[in-house]
Protein backbone atom coordinates (compact mmCIF):
# COMPACT_ATOMS: atom_id res chain seq x y z
CA UNK A 1 97.16 87.68 93.99
CA UNK A 2 95.27 89.89 91.54
CA UNK A 3 95.79 87.31 88.81
CA UNK A 4 94.37 84.57 91.05
CA UNK A 5 91.38 86.75 91.90
CA UNK A 6 90.70 87.41 88.22
CA UNK A 7 90.88 83.69 87.48
CA UNK A 8 88.41 82.95 90.27
CA UNK A 9 86.01 85.64 89.04
CA UNK A 10 86.32 84.40 85.45
CA UNK A 11 85.69 80.80 86.57
CA UNK A 12 82.63 81.79 88.61
CA UNK A 13 81.14 83.74 85.71
CA UNK A 14 82.00 81.09 83.13
CA UNK A 15 80.47 78.21 85.06
CA UNK A 16 77.52 80.09 86.57
CA UNK A 17 74.29 78.24 85.94
CA UNK A 18 71.03 79.81 84.78
CA UNK A 19 68.67 79.74 87.78
CA UNK A 20 65.28 78.54 86.58
CA UNK A 21 61.96 78.15 88.40
CA UNK A 22 59.22 75.91 87.01
CA UNK A 23 55.66 75.40 88.16
CA UNK A 24 55.42 71.58 88.11
CA UNK A 25 57.70 68.53 88.34
CA UNK A 26 57.51 67.37 84.68
CA UNK A 27 58.79 70.79 83.57
CA UNK A 28 61.96 70.20 85.58
CA UNK A 29 62.67 67.15 83.45
CA UNK A 30 62.01 69.09 80.23
CA UNK A 31 64.28 71.98 81.27
CA UNK A 32 67.05 69.63 82.39
CA UNK A 33 66.85 67.72 79.11
CA UNK A 34 67.64 70.93 77.21
CA UNK A 35 69.59 72.95 79.76
CA UNK A 36 71.73 70.06 81.00
CA UNK A 37 74.52 71.19 83.32
CA UNK A 38 73.98 74.84 82.37
CA UNK A 39 70.80 75.20 84.44
CA UNK A 40 69.75 74.92 88.07
CA UNK A 41 66.01 74.13 88.30
CA UNK A 42 63.64 74.63 91.24
CA UNK A 43 60.05 73.30 91.23
CA UNK A 44 57.24 75.32 92.81
CA UNK A 45 54.49 72.69 93.15
CA UNK A 46 56.16 69.91 95.08
CA UNK A 47 55.35 66.18 94.91
CA UNK A 48 51.94 65.34 96.36
CA UNK A 49 50.65 68.93 96.16
CA UNK A 50 47.96 70.17 93.79
CA UNK A 51 48.79 72.87 91.20
CA UNK A 52 45.19 74.04 91.51
CA UNK A 53 45.57 75.32 95.06
CA UNK A 54 49.30 75.44 95.84
CA UNK A 55 50.80 78.17 98.02
CA UNK A 56 54.60 78.64 97.71
CA UNK A 57 56.79 78.27 100.80
CA UNK A 58 59.00 81.15 102.06
CA UNK A 59 62.09 79.14 101.05
CA UNK A 60 60.76 78.93 97.48
CA UNK A 61 60.08 82.66 97.38
CA UNK A 62 63.69 83.21 98.47
CA UNK A 63 64.95 81.10 95.55
CA UNK A 64 62.61 82.96 93.26
CA UNK A 65 64.34 86.24 94.10
CA UNK A 66 67.57 84.88 92.57
CA UNK A 67 66.01 83.29 89.46
CA UNK A 68 66.66 84.42 85.91
CA UNK A 69 63.76 82.56 84.29
CA UNK A 70 60.32 81.37 85.33
CA UNK A 71 58.64 78.79 83.10
CA UNK A 72 54.86 78.92 83.48
CA UNK A 73 52.59 76.30 81.91
CA UNK A 74 49.06 77.51 82.60
CA UNK A 75 48.18 75.66 85.83
CA UNK A 76 45.68 77.27 88.15
CA UNK A 77 47.91 78.51 90.97
CA UNK A 78 49.80 80.70 88.48
CA UNK A 79 46.72 82.90 88.04
CA UNK A 80 47.11 84.07 91.64
CA UNK A 81 50.89 83.93 92.03
CA UNK A 82 52.56 85.01 88.78
CA UNK A 83 51.97 88.71 89.45
CA UNK A 84 53.40 88.27 92.97
CA UNK A 85 56.42 86.49 91.51
CA UNK A 86 56.97 89.42 89.16
CA UNK A 87 56.93 91.83 92.11
CA UNK A 88 59.32 89.60 94.06
CA UNK A 89 61.89 89.60 91.23
CA UNK A 90 61.43 92.32 88.62
CA UNK A 91 64.51 91.14 86.69
CA UNK A 92 63.18 87.61 86.24
CA UNK A 93 61.77 86.78 82.81
CA UNK A 94 58.54 84.78 82.72
CA UNK A 95 57.85 82.51 79.73
CA UNK A 96 54.68 80.56 79.05
CA UNK A 97 55.87 77.17 77.82
CA UNK A 98 52.38 76.29 76.52
CA UNK A 99 52.49 79.00 73.83
CA UNK A 100 51.52 77.65 70.38
CA UNK A 101 49.73 74.62 71.78
CA UNK A 102 46.08 74.18 70.83
CA UNK A 103 44.30 73.94 74.14
CA UNK A 104 41.00 72.14 74.61
CA UNK A 105 38.28 71.99 77.23
CA UNK A 106 38.33 68.86 79.44
CA UNK A 107 35.78 67.25 77.09
CA UNK A 108 38.11 67.76 74.13
CA UNK A 109 36.64 70.83 72.43
CA UNK A 110 39.31 72.96 70.80
CA UNK A 111 40.02 76.62 71.53
CA UNK A 112 42.35 79.00 69.65
CA UNK A 113 46.09 78.51 70.21
CA UNK A 114 47.47 80.18 73.33
CA UNK A 115 49.55 83.17 72.22
CA UNK A 116 50.10 84.87 75.56
CA UNK A 117 50.63 84.20 79.22
CA UNK A 118 46.96 84.78 79.96
CA UNK A 119 43.94 83.86 77.86
CA UNK A 120 40.37 85.03 78.35
CA UNK A 121 39.08 81.44 78.00
CA UNK A 122 41.77 80.04 80.31
CA UNK A 123 39.35 79.05 83.08
CA UNK A 124 37.51 76.78 80.64
CA UNK A 125 40.60 75.06 79.31
CA UNK A 126 42.44 71.91 80.35
CA UNK A 127 45.97 72.95 81.43
CA UNK A 128 47.47 69.42 81.41
CA UNK A 129 49.05 69.81 77.96
CA UNK A 130 52.21 67.85 78.89
CA UNK A 131 50.39 64.46 78.94
CA UNK A 132 50.54 64.53 75.11
CA UNK A 133 54.13 63.85 73.96
CA UNK A 134 53.66 65.88 70.79
CA UNK A 135 52.69 68.91 72.90
CA UNK A 136 55.94 68.44 74.81
CA UNK A 137 57.86 68.91 71.56
CA UNK A 138 56.35 72.42 71.44
CA UNK A 139 57.12 72.97 75.13
CA UNK A 140 60.73 71.88 74.53
CA UNK A 141 61.10 74.35 71.65
CA UNK A 142 59.74 77.15 73.86
CA UNK A 143 62.20 76.26 76.64
CA UNK A 144 65.08 76.22 74.17
CA UNK A 145 64.19 79.67 72.81
CA UNK A 146 63.94 81.13 76.32
CA UNK A 147 67.30 79.69 77.41
CA UNK A 148 69.00 81.06 74.29
CA UNK A 149 67.49 84.46 75.00
CA UNK A 150 69.24 84.68 78.38
CA UNK A 151 72.31 82.59 77.55
CA UNK A 152 73.19 83.07 73.88
CA UNK A 153 76.73 81.86 74.51
CA UNK A 154 75.51 78.27 74.97
CA UNK A 155 73.06 78.24 72.06
CA UNK A 156 74.73 75.31 70.27
CA UNK A 157 74.75 73.26 73.47
CA UNK A 158 71.02 73.86 73.99
CA UNK A 159 70.31 73.14 70.32
CA UNK A 160 72.05 69.75 70.46
CA UNK A 161 70.15 68.83 73.61
CA UNK A 162 66.86 69.95 72.08
CA UNK A 163 67.35 67.80 68.98
CA UNK A 164 68.24 64.80 71.14
CA UNK A 165 65.17 65.30 73.34
CA UNK A 166 62.85 65.68 70.32
CA UNK A 167 64.07 62.30 69.05
CA UNK A 168 63.39 60.76 72.49
CA UNK A 169 59.85 62.17 72.38
CA UNK A 170 59.23 60.70 68.91
CA UNK A 171 60.39 57.31 70.22
CA UNK A 172 58.05 57.62 73.21
CA UNK A 173 55.12 58.51 70.92
CA UNK A 174 55.82 55.44 68.77
CA UNK A 175 56.16 53.21 71.86
CA UNK A 176 52.75 54.33 73.12
CA UNK A 177 51.20 53.69 69.68
CA UNK A 178 52.72 50.20 69.70
CA UNK A 179 51.33 49.51 73.19
CA UNK A 180 47.84 50.61 72.08
CA UNK A 181 47.90 49.06 68.59
CA UNK A 182 45.38 46.32 69.52
CA UNK A 183 43.20 48.66 71.61
CA UNK A 184 40.07 49.69 69.67
CA UNK A 185 39.76 53.38 68.81
CA UNK A 186 37.34 55.14 71.12
CA UNK A 187 38.14 52.87 74.08
CA UNK A 188 37.02 54.60 77.28
CA UNK A 189 39.13 54.83 80.42
CA UNK A 190 37.80 56.35 83.63
CA UNK A 191 39.53 59.08 85.64
CA UNK A 192 38.62 60.95 88.77
CA UNK A 193 40.01 64.32 87.67
CA UNK A 194 39.79 64.97 83.89
CA UNK A 195 43.53 65.52 83.42
CA UNK A 196 44.28 63.03 80.63
CA UNK A 197 42.26 64.62 77.81
CA UNK A 198 45.24 65.48 75.60
CA UNK A 199 46.59 61.92 75.95
CA UNK A 200 43.17 60.51 75.07
CA UNK A 201 42.79 62.74 72.02
CA UNK A 202 46.29 61.99 70.72
CA UNK A 203 45.75 58.22 70.82
CA UNK A 204 42.08 57.97 69.87
CA UNK A 205 40.75 57.20 73.34
CA UNK A 206 38.05 58.69 75.58
CA UNK A 207 38.32 59.70 79.22
CA UNK A 208 35.25 59.48 81.44
CA UNK A 209 35.52 61.75 84.48
CA UNK A 210 34.14 60.89 87.92
CA UNK A 211 34.59 64.44 89.18
CA UNK A 212 31.62 66.80 88.66
CA UNK A 213 32.50 70.53 88.43
CA UNK A 214 35.69 69.98 90.42
CA UNK A 215 34.03 67.99 93.22
CA UNK A 216 33.26 64.39 94.11
CA UNK A 217 29.84 63.46 92.67
CA UNK A 218 26.75 63.15 94.83
CA UNK A 219 24.99 59.78 94.89
CA UNK A 220 22.52 60.58 92.07
CA UNK A 221 25.33 61.66 89.75
CA UNK A 222 27.47 58.72 90.86
CA UNK A 223 24.75 56.25 89.81
CA UNK A 224 24.67 57.83 86.32
CA UNK A 225 28.47 57.63 86.07
CA UNK A 226 28.39 53.93 87.03
CA UNK A 227 25.71 53.26 84.39
CA UNK A 228 27.77 55.05 81.75
CA UNK A 229 30.92 53.17 82.78
CA UNK A 230 29.06 49.85 82.37
CA UNK A 231 27.84 50.90 78.92
CA UNK A 232 31.37 51.96 77.88
CA UNK A 233 32.82 48.72 79.32
CA UNK A 234 35.36 50.60 81.43
CA UNK A 235 38.02 48.28 82.85
CA UNK A 236 39.93 50.58 85.23
CA UNK A 237 39.76 53.89 87.08
CA UNK A 238 42.79 56.16 87.25
CA UNK A 239 43.11 58.44 90.26
CA UNK A 240 45.73 61.01 91.19
CA UNK A 241 47.40 61.14 94.64
CA UNK A 242 46.55 64.86 94.74
CA UNK A 243 42.79 64.12 94.82
CA UNK A 244 40.39 62.02 96.94
CA UNK A 245 39.69 58.55 95.57
CA UNK A 246 36.62 57.84 97.73
CA UNK A 247 34.15 57.98 94.81
CA UNK A 248 36.51 55.98 92.60
CA UNK A 249 36.65 53.18 95.18
CA UNK A 250 32.84 53.02 95.29
CA UNK A 251 32.73 52.73 91.49
CA UNK A 252 35.49 50.11 91.40
CA UNK A 253 33.56 47.99 93.91
CA UNK A 254 30.33 48.30 91.93
CA UNK A 255 32.00 47.43 88.62
CA UNK A 256 34.62 45.03 90.03
CA UNK A 257 37.47 46.92 88.36
CA UNK A 258 40.83 48.23 89.56
CA UNK A 259 41.71 51.66 90.94
CA UNK A 260 45.10 52.68 89.52
CA UNK A 261 47.16 55.57 90.86
CA UNK A 262 48.52 57.66 87.99
CA UNK A 263 49.65 61.23 88.48
CA UNK A 264 50.07 63.76 85.67
CA UNK A 265 52.77 65.30 87.89
CA UNK A 266 54.99 62.20 88.07
CA UNK A 267 58.76 62.69 87.84
CA UNK A 268 59.18 59.74 85.47
CA UNK A 269 57.17 61.45 82.73
CA UNK A 270 57.88 59.08 79.81
CA UNK A 271 57.57 55.90 81.85
CA UNK A 272 54.38 57.22 83.42
CA UNK A 273 52.70 57.75 80.03
CA UNK A 274 53.76 54.30 78.84
CA UNK A 275 52.41 52.70 82.03
CA UNK A 276 49.09 54.51 81.53
CA UNK A 277 48.90 53.13 77.98
CA UNK A 278 49.74 49.62 79.22
CA UNK A 279 46.98 49.77 81.83
CA UNK A 280 44.44 50.89 79.21
CA UNK A 281 45.64 48.12 76.85
CA UNK A 282 45.53 45.57 79.71
CA UNK A 283 49.23 44.84 79.46
CA UNK A 284 51.59 44.35 82.40
CA UNK A 285 53.50 47.57 83.30
């Protein structure tokens, strides 16, 4: 009986997964790519919700109390909630997966690399770093290092998965370049919320935002945006399900162009970026 009990205890310990919490859906993919069957991942900001204003559910806070790792990424709701998460689970380690990524403002101006969980310019910066595949290589490395820190025993497993994922990212980057190879540098695409800046910068494009200071534009500003869109020969507007597309529909009607739903929080991260590139290049998804 004692022997059986010891075997059961040993089995439970041996096959116990690392409980991980992430802020947004794409992070779950990144963690699973590296952690594989050694991790159990819970997402805070659920599908259809905005990471700018999200409030965790009681069930999520319960899961948080059992987590070993929290992977932050710099989205707005973390500013309010990370300290509360720390108080909820003092044994949980919090890692900023955007460390060592050069962040920019939504209009593409660079700021110093993020070296800590909080940054005094953070309010001015675009947090959507994961829409650039090359940034995700940095994020993947950060995830790997954090997993090894809490689960050294499976270091080789995580390392193999990391190397495989980095190759997949390189292939994705090349696929996007191939899709956009006939698209002139500096081509402008229109967005409601300026969340695609890192993608635009990586591939030599420009995003034109409809949103003004986080809100739908008033009519005077909307007229100026329409004039600019005509000048830039914009062919499509990308909107996110998390935001209103009322202004975008007005613009699309005025310019006779399509409104395309494209979320930075999509589960199918790689496919989503390729579909965005295809829409900009006027190719069938």
